[in-house]
Amino acid sequence: MAQTPTPTSTPGSADMDGNGCIDSKDLVLFITDWCAAAHAKSASADLNGNGVIDPDDFFLFILAWQKTGNPTPTATSSPTDTSNATPTPSPTIPTGSIEMVTIPAGSFVMGNSGAERDHFCQCIGGPAVACVCEEPSHTVTFDYSFRIGKYELTNAQYVEALNFANSHGYLRNATNELYDGGRVYQNGRVLTSADAPDYNDIVYRGAQFLTAPRNNESMTDHPVNGVTWYGAVAVCNWLSEMSGLPLVYDLATWTSTNRQGGGYRLPSESEWEYACRGSALNPHRYDPFSFGDDPAVNLDSCGPSALLSANMVWCDDGISWTVAVGSRLPNDFGLYDMHGNVWEWCEDWFHNSYADAPVDGSPQLVQEEWRNFRVRRGGCHSNHASRCRSASRNYVYPGTWDFTFGLRVARAVSP
């Protein structure tokens, strides 16, 4: 696969509150993140993706502000032309088309193992606080089974859901009019964007969303990216409606109201890590990765490592974009790409410690004072190995997206 240059910044990421424009409120949030992170890695104000928040990021923020007088951006480059492509939307996605794996009830120890190889963390406060956000390790007990996607949600699945939502009048533009291209909104929140090839593979042609090829390769089976937390929650409701399942979320308030009703939803952070680590029979359950570790590799680097690259898509591959879902080996639950490829949104608010974390599998629904971060997990195709660890956590403003933000859906086992 030919390489695509990796973007280093995005005006979308500078839109900290996800309201469709970059303004003084975003500047306040940017400075707050800078001060809170104390140059920590993986904060959402890290606009150039170099792992720290520094003056270069502030410069990029100012440039983004200057460039976004119109809240609906015009892409400066475009993917391979798809103007002659014929969309093939279908009215519904049968439940079975999104392959799900049932994860059994049980217990596991969540968080950092305390082992030397597990200490490559990115917490608010940086190296001075070490792995505080992955600690304390604690037992989580699930008295219920749940289902989770065998694969990350693909471009084809997201595009089909977008067309369904658009046909029902759910989608809006930045001025709250019926959608006509560019950034996609629902109930005042930005979900994703069409025709933004630096960030995803979705285009809008002839009043239809399509998946655009990239470097003459079909991207339909690649994981969707460029999706905000709101875009991840919204697609769960669309998929539920398309499949005749109960809706989980109230999109007027962006809260879950029926997590155990059987509709599509995001996994809680503990559900995600439980599924990632594999079963109690997995000998590598508490290693840095569900498949083990390669002690010869500095985890805060890009390898190389044959073991890691057989099991996950990360920066060692020399691939600057996603790969088709299921291209690497699965974990012992049969789940693919739990490590790498794209970051996966969870339902939870981020807390910089597990001191008050739920221990029953439910999401953290209490927002930390002054912090407005949601959790994403799993690492991505451009990350060092350390960010793809089973315990690794990342915190991002819910209205933020870039070329690494995707999702994996979950469902309760229907009552």
Protein backbone atom coordinates (compact mmCIF):
# COMPACT_ATOMS: atom_id res chain seq x y z
CA MET A 1 0.00 0.00 0.00
CA ALA A 2 1.45 3.36 -0.96
CA GLN A 3 2.06 5.63 1.97
CA THR A 4 0.01 8.74 2.59
CA PRO A 5 1.77 11.63 4.36
CA THR A 6 0.76 11.72 8.00
CA PRO A 7 -0.98 14.98 8.91
CA THR A 8 0.64 16.86 11.76
CA SER A 9 -2.21 19.11 12.78
CA THR A 10 -5.87 19.73 12.11
CA PRO A 11 -8.21 22.67 12.62
CA GLY A 12 -10.71 20.08 13.83
CA SER A 13 -8.45 19.26 16.75
CA ALA A 14 -8.16 22.95 17.61
CA ASP A 15 -11.96 23.11 17.87
CA MET A 16 -11.76 22.05 21.52
CA ASP A 17 -15.44 22.32 22.37
CA GLY A 18 -16.72 20.86 19.11
CA ASN A 19 -19.06 23.74 18.33
CA GLY A 20 -17.96 24.03 14.72
CA CYS A 21 -15.66 27.03 14.95
CA ILE A 22 -12.37 27.97 16.58
CA ASP A 23 -12.90 30.87 18.94
CA SER A 24 -11.90 32.38 22.29
CA LYS A 25 -13.54 29.52 24.19
CA ASP A 26 -11.25 27.08 22.41
CA LEU A 27 -8.25 29.24 23.33
CA VAL A 28 -9.21 29.02 27.01
CA LEU A 29 -9.60 25.24 26.74
CA PHE A 30 -6.28 24.96 24.91
CA ILE A 31 -4.42 26.90 27.61
CA THR A 32 -6.20 24.91 30.34
CA ASP A 33 -5.10 21.65 28.73
CA TRP A 34 -1.54 22.94 28.34
CA CYS A 35 -1.31 23.94 32.00
CA ALA A 36 -3.05 20.81 33.29
CA ALA A 37 -0.94 18.45 31.25
CA ALA A 38 2.34 20.15 32.15
CA HIS A 39 3.64 19.04 28.75
CA ALA A 40 2.16 15.56 29.16
CA LYS A 41 1.94 13.17 26.27
CA SER A 42 -1.24 12.40 24.33
CA ALA A 43 -3.33 15.39 25.43
CA SER A 44 -5.78 16.70 22.88
CA ALA A 45 -3.97 20.06 22.67
CA ASP A 46 -0.98 18.18 21.19
CA LEU A 47 -1.84 19.44 17.70
CA ASN A 48 1.36 18.33 15.97
CA GLY A 49 1.26 14.85 17.45
CA ASN A 50 4.82 14.91 18.80
CA GLY A 51 3.81 13.66 22.25
CA VAL A 52 4.06 16.94 24.19
CA ILE A 53 2.15 20.21 24.39
CA ASP A 54 4.64 22.93 23.55
CA PRO A 55 4.92 26.34 21.82
CA ASP A 56 4.72 24.65 18.40
CA ASP A 57 1.19 23.50 19.27
CA PHE A 58 0.22 27.05 20.27
CA PHE A 59 1.52 28.30 16.92
CA LEU A 60 -0.58 25.67 15.11
CA PHE A 61 -3.61 26.65 17.17
CA ILE A 62 -3.26 30.31 16.12
CA LEU A 63 -2.87 29.28 12.47
CA ALA A 64 -6.00 27.13 12.71
CA TRP A 65 -7.92 30.00 14.29
CA GLN A 66 -6.90 32.33 11.47
CA LYS A 67 -7.93 29.81 8.82
CA THR A 68 -11.42 29.05 10.12
CA GLY A 69 -13.43 32.20 9.71
CA ASN A 70 -16.06 29.96 8.09
CA PRO A 71 -16.98 27.19 10.52
CA THR A 72 -17.44 24.70 7.69
CA PRO A 73 -13.96 24.18 6.23
CA THR A 74 -13.20 23.55 2.59
CA ALA A 75 -10.70 20.75 2.11
CA THR A 76 -7.48 21.84 0.43
CA SER A 77 -6.84 18.44 -1.07
CA SER A 78 -9.07 15.62 -2.18
CA PRO A 79 -8.87 11.85 -2.37
CA THR A 80 -9.10 9.91 -5.59
CA ASP A 81 -12.06 11.25 -7.56
CA THR A 82 -15.29 9.40 -6.86
CA SER A 83 -17.63 11.64 -8.82
CA ASN A 84 -18.62 8.73 -11.07
CA ALA A 85 -19.01 6.26 -8.24
CA THR A 86 -22.46 4.77 -7.79
CA PRO A 87 -23.62 4.72 -4.18
CA THR A 88 -25.27 1.53 -3.05
CA PRO A 89 -26.99 2.41 0.21
CA SER A 90 -29.44 -0.07 1.68
CA PRO A 91 -32.30 0.97 3.94
CA THR A 92 -31.26 -1.17 6.88
CA ILE A 93 -28.27 -2.96 8.33
CA PRO A 94 -29.39 -6.34 9.63
CA THR A 95 -28.15 -6.98 13.14
CA GLY A 96 -26.01 -9.87 11.95
CA SER A 97 -24.00 -7.71 9.54
CA ILE A 98 -21.98 -6.30 12.42
CA GLU A 99 -20.27 -9.37 13.76
CA MET A 100 -20.37 -9.49 17.53
CA VAL A 101 -18.56 -11.68 20.04
CA THR A 102 -20.16 -12.55 23.37
CA ILE A 103 -17.86 -11.84 26.32
CA PRO A 104 -18.78 -13.98 29.33
CA ALA A 105 -19.41 -12.75 32.84
CA GLY A 106 -16.38 -12.86 35.11
CA SER A 107 -13.70 -10.81 36.85
CA PHE A 108 -10.32 -9.35 36.00
CA VAL A 109 -7.77 -6.95 37.42
CA MET A 110 -8.00 -3.64 35.58
CA GLY A 111 -5.16 -1.16 35.24
CA ASN A 112 -1.40 -1.09 35.20
CA SER A 113 0.26 -4.34 36.27
CA GLY A 114 3.09 -2.53 38.03
CA ALA A 115 5.65 -4.44 35.96
CA GLU A 116 8.60 -2.50 34.56
CA ARG A 117 7.48 -3.14 30.98
CA ASP A 118 4.04 -1.66 31.72
CA HIS A 119 5.41 1.73 32.78
CA PHE A 120 5.18 3.76 29.60
CA CYS A 121 2.12 5.84 30.46
CA GLN A 122 0.63 9.11 29.21
CA CYS A 123 -1.22 10.66 32.14
CA ILE A 124 -2.16 14.26 32.91
CA GLY A 125 0.92 15.67 34.58
CA GLY A 126 3.48 13.84 32.45
CA PRO A 127 6.45 11.82 33.70
CA ALA A 128 6.26 13.45 37.12
CA VAL A 129 3.07 11.52 37.89
CA ALA A 130 4.21 8.31 36.16
CA CYS A 131 1.24 5.94 35.66
CA VAL A 132 -1.23 7.51 38.07
CA CYS A 133 -4.04 7.42 35.49
CA GLU A 134 -3.67 3.64 35.11
CA GLU A 135 -3.66 3.08 38.88
CA PRO A 136 -4.62 1.76 41.30
CA SER A 137 -5.14 -1.64 39.74
CA HIS A 138 -8.49 -2.99 40.91
CA THR A 139 -10.78 -5.95 40.43
CA VAL A 140 -13.81 -5.43 38.20
CA THR A 141 -16.55 -8.05 38.33
CA PHE A 142 -19.10 -8.46 35.55
CA ASP A 143 -22.26 -10.22 36.66
CA TYR A 144 -23.48 -10.03 33.07
CA SER A 145 -22.30 -11.11 29.64
CA PHE A 146 -22.09 -8.54 26.86
CA ARG A 147 -21.39 -8.42 23.16
CA ILE A 148 -18.67 -6.41 21.49
CA GLY A 149 -17.74 -5.92 17.84
CA LYS A 150 -15.43 -8.55 16.41
CA TYR A 151 -13.93 -5.74 14.35
CA GLU A 152 -13.70 -1.98 14.55
CA LEU A 153 -16.63 -0.28 12.80
CA THR A 154 -15.74 0.08 9.12
CA ASN A 155 -16.05 2.96 6.70
CA ALA A 156 -18.76 1.07 4.80
CA GLN A 157 -20.82 0.57 7.96
CA TYR A 158 -20.45 4.18 9.09
CA VAL A 159 -21.26 5.55 5.64
CA GLU A 160 -24.40 3.41 5.40
CA ALA A 161 -25.51 4.70 8.79
CA LEU A 162 -24.78 8.30 7.74
CA ASN A 163 -27.01 7.88 4.68
CA PHE A 164 -29.77 6.46 6.87
CA ALA A 165 -29.48 9.38 9.30
CA ASN A 166 -29.42 11.91 6.47
CA SER A 167 -32.51 10.37 4.84
CA HIS A 168 -34.34 10.83 8.14
CA GLY A 169 -33.34 14.49 8.44
CA TYR A 170 -31.13 13.97 11.49
CA LEU A 171 -28.01 15.59 10.05
CA ARG A 172 -27.29 19.32 10.00
CA ASN A 173 -24.56 21.68 8.89
CA ALA A 174 -22.77 24.25 11.04
CA THR A 175 -25.68 26.70 10.80
CA ASN A 176 -28.22 24.03 11.84
CA GLU A 177 -29.71 23.73 8.36
CA LEU A 178 -30.25 20.42 6.59
CA TYR A 179 -26.92 18.84 5.77
CA ASP A 180 -25.36 19.94 2.49
CA GLY A 181 -21.70 18.92 2.84
CA GLY A 182 -18.63 19.50 5.00
CA ARG A 183 -18.82 18.96 8.72
CA VAL A 184 -21.65 16.78 9.97
CA TYR A 185 -23.70 17.88 13.00
CA GLN A 186 -26.59 16.55 15.04
CA ASN A 187 -28.22 18.45 17.88
CA GLY A 188 -25.49 21.08 17.82
CA ARG A 189 -22.55 18.65 18.08
CA VAL A 190 -20.01 17.89 15.38
CA LEU A 191 -19.91 14.19 14.50
CA THR A 192 -17.42 13.92 11.64
CA SER A 193 -16.71 15.59 8.31
CA ALA A 194 -17.06 14.65 4.67
CA ASP A 195 -14.48 15.61 2.04
CA ALA A 196 -11.65 15.96 4.57
CA PRO A 197 -9.14 13.45 3.17
CA ASP A 198 -6.44 14.25 5.71
CA TYR A 199 -8.73 12.92 8.43
CA ASN A 200 -10.98 10.20 6.97
CA ASP A 201 -12.17 8.49 3.79
CA ILE A 202 -15.75 9.79 3.63
CA VAL A 203 -16.99 11.99 0.78
CA TYR A 204 -20.38 13.52 -0.04
CA ARG A 205 -21.43 13.26 -3.70
CA GLY A 206 -24.88 13.67 -5.19
CA ALA A 207 -26.56 13.90 -1.77
CA GLN A 208 -25.00 10.57 -0.77
CA PHE A 209 -22.13 9.69 1.55
CA LEU A 210 -19.55 7.39 -0.02
CA THR A 211 -16.28 5.77 0.96
CA ALA A 212 -13.49 7.24 -1.15
CA PRO A 213 -10.60 5.08 -2.37
CA ARG A 214 -7.13 6.08 -1.20
CA ASN A 215 -4.17 5.61 -3.53
CA ASN A 216 -6.37 3.40 -5.71
CA GLU A 217 -7.17 1.08 -2.79
CA SER A 218 -10.72 0.50 -1.60
CA MET A 219 -11.18 1.74 1.97
CA THR A 220 -14.60 0.20 2.59
CA ASP A 221 -13.24 -2.45 4.98
CA HIS A 222 -10.88 -0.10 6.78
CA PRO A 223 -11.95 1.20 10.18
CA VAL A 224 -13.79 4.49 10.08
CA ASN A 225 -11.74 7.37 11.47
CA GLY A 226 -12.17 11.09 11.92
CA VAL A 227 -15.13 10.50 14.28
CA THR A 228 -15.80 12.52 17.45
CA TRP A 229 -17.21 10.96 20.62
CA TYR A 230 -20.57 12.46 19.63
CA GLY A 231 -20.24 10.84 16.20
CA ALA A 232 -19.55 7.50 17.87
CA VAL A 233 -22.57 7.78 20.16
CA ALA A 234 -24.84 8.95 17.33
CA VAL A 235 -23.96 6.05 15.03
CA CYS A 236 -24.83 3.61 17.81
CA ASN A 237 -28.37 5.02 17.88
CA TRP A 238 -28.64 5.01 14.09
CA LEU A 239 -27.54 1.37 13.93
CA SER A 240 -30.05 0.45 16.62
CA GLU A 241 -32.87 2.20 14.77
CA MET A 242 -31.87 0.57 11.49
CA SER A 243 -31.90 -2.85 13.15
CA GLY A 244 -35.13 -2.45 15.12
CA LEU A 245 -33.33 -2.43 18.46
CA PRO A 246 -33.99 -0.18 21.47
CA LEU A 247 -32.11 3.12 21.44
CA VAL A 248 -29.46 3.44 24.14
CA TYR A 249 -28.75 7.18 24.02
CA ASP A 250 -30.75 10.37 24.39
CA LEU A 251 -29.06 12.54 21.78
CA ALA A 252 -30.67 15.69 23.16
CA THR A 253 -28.54 15.34 26.28
CA TRP A 254 -25.89 12.92 24.94
CA THR A 255 -26.44 10.52 27.82
CA SER A 256 -27.13 6.80 27.97
CA THR A 257 -30.58 5.88 29.22
CA ASN A 258 -30.86 2.19 28.33
CA ARG A 259 -27.41 0.54 28.32
CA GLN A 260 -28.75 -2.93 29.07
CA GLY A 261 -31.64 -2.80 26.60
CA GLY A 262 -29.83 -4.60 23.79
CA GLY A 263 -29.23 -1.67 21.42
CA TYR A 264 -25.86 -0.65 20.02
CA ARG A 265 -23.70 1.42 22.34
CA LEU A 266 -20.10 2.19 23.16
CA PRO A 267 -18.35 -0.16 25.57
CA SER A 268 -17.52 1.09 29.02
CA GLU A 269 -13.80 1.46 29.60
CA SER A 270 -13.74 -1.60 31.87
CA GLU A 271 -15.69 -3.65 29.31
CA TRP A 272 -13.16 -2.61 26.69
CA GLU A 273 -10.12 -3.61 28.77
CA TYR A 274 -11.76 -6.87 29.91
CA ALA A 275 -12.41 -7.78 26.26
CA CYS A 276 -8.94 -6.65 25.20
CA ARG A 277 -6.99 -8.70 27.74
CA GLY A 278 -8.75 -11.92 26.81
CA SER A 279 -10.04 -14.77 28.92
CA ALA A 280 -8.80 -16.06 32.25
CA LEU A 281 -7.10 -18.87 30.29
CA ASN A 282 -4.91 -16.41 28.39
CA PRO A 283 -1.35 -16.71 29.79
CA HIS A 284 -0.61 -13.18 28.55
CA ARG A 285 -3.67 -11.57 30.12
CA TYR A 286 -1.59 -9.25 32.31
CA ASP A 287 1.34 -8.75 29.97
CA PRO A 288 1.64 -5.35 28.27
CA PHE A 289 -0.34 -6.78 25.34
CA SER A 290 -2.95 -9.52 25.19
CA PHE A 291 -0.61 -11.53 22.97
CA GLY A 292 2.48 -11.13 25.18
CA ASP A 293 5.50 -8.88 24.82
CA ASP A 294 8.79 -8.54 22.97
CA PRO A 295 11.39 -7.67 25.65
CA ALA A 296 13.91 -6.67 22.98
CA VAL A 297 11.76 -3.71 21.95
CA ASN A 298 11.73 -0.31 23.62
CA LEU A 299 7.97 0.13 23.96
CA ASP A 300 8.32 3.89 23.70
CA SER A 301 9.55 3.48 20.13
CA CYS A 302 8.54 2.06 16.76
CA GLY A 303 10.38 -1.22 17.08
CA PRO A 304 10.95 -3.20 14.93
CA SER A 305 9.23 -6.32 16.27
CA ALA A 306 7.86 -9.23 14.28
CA LEU A 307 5.68 -10.31 17.22
CA LEU A 308 4.07 -6.92 17.72
CA SER A 309 3.55 -6.34 14.00
CA ALA A 310 1.86 -9.72 13.56
CA ASN A 311 -0.70 -8.72 16.17
CA MET A 312 -1.28 -4.98 15.73
CA VAL A 313 -1.02 -2.04 13.34
CA TRP A 314 1.39 0.48 14.86
CA CYS A 315 4.19 2.78 13.74
CA ASP A 316 6.62 -0.10 13.09
CA ASP A 317 4.70 -1.06 9.95
CA GLY A 318 5.76 1.96 7.94
CA ILE A 319 2.08 2.39 7.04
CA SER A 320 0.85 5.93 7.56
CA TRP A 321 -2.84 5.07 7.42
CA THR A 322 -5.19 2.33 8.54
CA VAL A 323 -5.34 -1.24 7.23
CA ALA A 324 -8.45 -3.34 6.61
CA VAL A 325 -10.00 -4.63 9.82
CA GLY A 326 -8.98 -8.17 10.71
CA SER A 327 -5.60 -7.93 8.98
CA ARG A 328 -3.71 -8.93 12.13
CA LEU A 329 -4.11 -11.84 14.54
CA PRO A 330 -7.08 -11.86 16.96
CA ASN A 331 -6.92 -12.18 20.74
CA ASP A 332 -8.21 -15.30 22.46
CA PHE A 333 -11.76 -13.93 22.53
CA GLY A 334 -11.55 -13.71 18.73
CA LEU A 335 -11.44 -9.89 18.64
CA TYR A 336 -9.31 -8.13 16.04
CA ASP A 337 -7.36 -4.87 16.27
CA MET A 338 -7.84 -4.31 19.99
CA HIS A 339 -4.25 -3.05 19.79
CA GLY A 340 -3.52 -0.41 17.14
CA ASN A 341 -5.16 0.57 13.83
CA VAL A 342 -7.47 3.29 15.26
CA TRP A 343 -8.20 4.57 18.74
CA GLU A 344 -11.60 3.40 19.99
CA TRP A 345 -13.99 5.63 21.92
CA CYS A 346 -15.43 4.41 25.21
CA GLU A 347 -18.49 5.83 26.93
CA ASP A 348 -16.67 7.03 30.06
CA TRP A 349 -15.58 10.41 31.29
CA PHE A 350 -11.82 10.37 31.92
CA HIS A 351 -10.52 10.56 35.48
CA ASN A 352 -6.76 10.85 36.05
CA SER A 353 -6.91 7.94 38.52
CA TYR A 354 -8.94 4.81 39.13
CA ALA A 355 -9.45 5.75 42.79
CA ASP A 356 -13.20 6.22 42.29
CA ALA A 357 -13.71 3.98 39.26
CA PRO A 358 -16.78 1.71 39.02
CA VAL A 359 -16.04 -1.93 39.80
CA ASP A 360 -19.14 -3.50 38.23
CA GLY A 361 -18.40 -2.91 34.53
CA SER A 362 -20.45 0.27 34.25
CA PRO A 363 -18.98 3.44 32.70
CA GLN A 364 -17.63 6.38 34.67
CA LEU A 365 -20.53 8.82 34.28
CA VAL A 366 -19.27 11.50 36.67
CA GLN A 367 -17.27 14.23 34.98
CA GLU A 368 -14.14 15.33 36.82
CA GLU A 369 -14.26 18.90 37.99
CA TRP A 370 -12.86 21.27 35.32
CA ARG A 371 -11.96 18.39 32.98
CA ASN A 372 -13.99 17.67 29.87
CA PHE A 373 -12.32 14.54 28.52
CA ARG A 374 -13.76 11.29 27.23
CA VAL A 375 -11.78 8.05 27.13
CA ARG A 376 -10.43 6.31 24.08
CA ARG A 377 -8.45 3.07 24.06
CA GLY A 378 -6.23 0.78 22.03
CA GLY A 379 -3.71 3.03 20.31
CA CYS A 380 -3.45 3.56 16.57
CA HIS A 381 -1.45 2.99 13.42
CA SER A 382 0.88 5.95 14.05
CA ASN A 383 1.59 5.26 17.75
CA HIS A 384 4.56 3.85 19.59
CA ALA A 385 3.92 0.40 21.04
CA SER A 386 3.46 1.83 24.54
CA ARG A 387 0.22 3.57 23.59
CA CYS A 388 -1.21 0.30 22.27
CA ARG A 389 -0.81 -1.56 25.60
CA SER A 390 -3.85 -3.21 27.18
CA ALA A 391 -3.74 -0.75 30.10
CA SER A 392 -2.97 2.39 28.08
CA ARG A 393 -5.51 5.21 28.35
CA ASN A 394 -6.01 8.36 26.34
CA TYR A 395 -8.10 11.44 27.13
CA VAL A 396 -9.64 13.70 24.50
CA TYR A 397 -12.29 16.41 24.28
CA PRO A 398 -15.47 14.72 23.00
CA GLY A 399 -15.85 17.14 20.09
CA THR A 400 -12.33 16.47 18.79
CA TRP A 401 -11.36 14.22 15.90
CA ASP A 402 -8.40 13.45 13.69
CA PHE A 403 -7.17 10.68 11.40
CA THR A 404 -6.92 8.17 14.28
CA PHE A 405 -10.34 8.40 16.01
CA GLY A 406 -12.59 5.37 15.46
CA LEU A 407 -14.86 3.06 17.44
CA ARG A 408 -16.03 -0.46 18.17
CA VAL A 409 -19.65 -1.02 19.10
CA ALA A 410 -20.99 -3.10 21.97
CA ARG A 411 -24.41 -4.42 22.97
CA ALA A 412 -25.99 -5.90 26.03
CA VAL A 413 -27.10 -9.49 25.65
CA SER A 414 -30.78 -8.85 24.93
CA PRO A 415 -33.03 -9.31 27.96
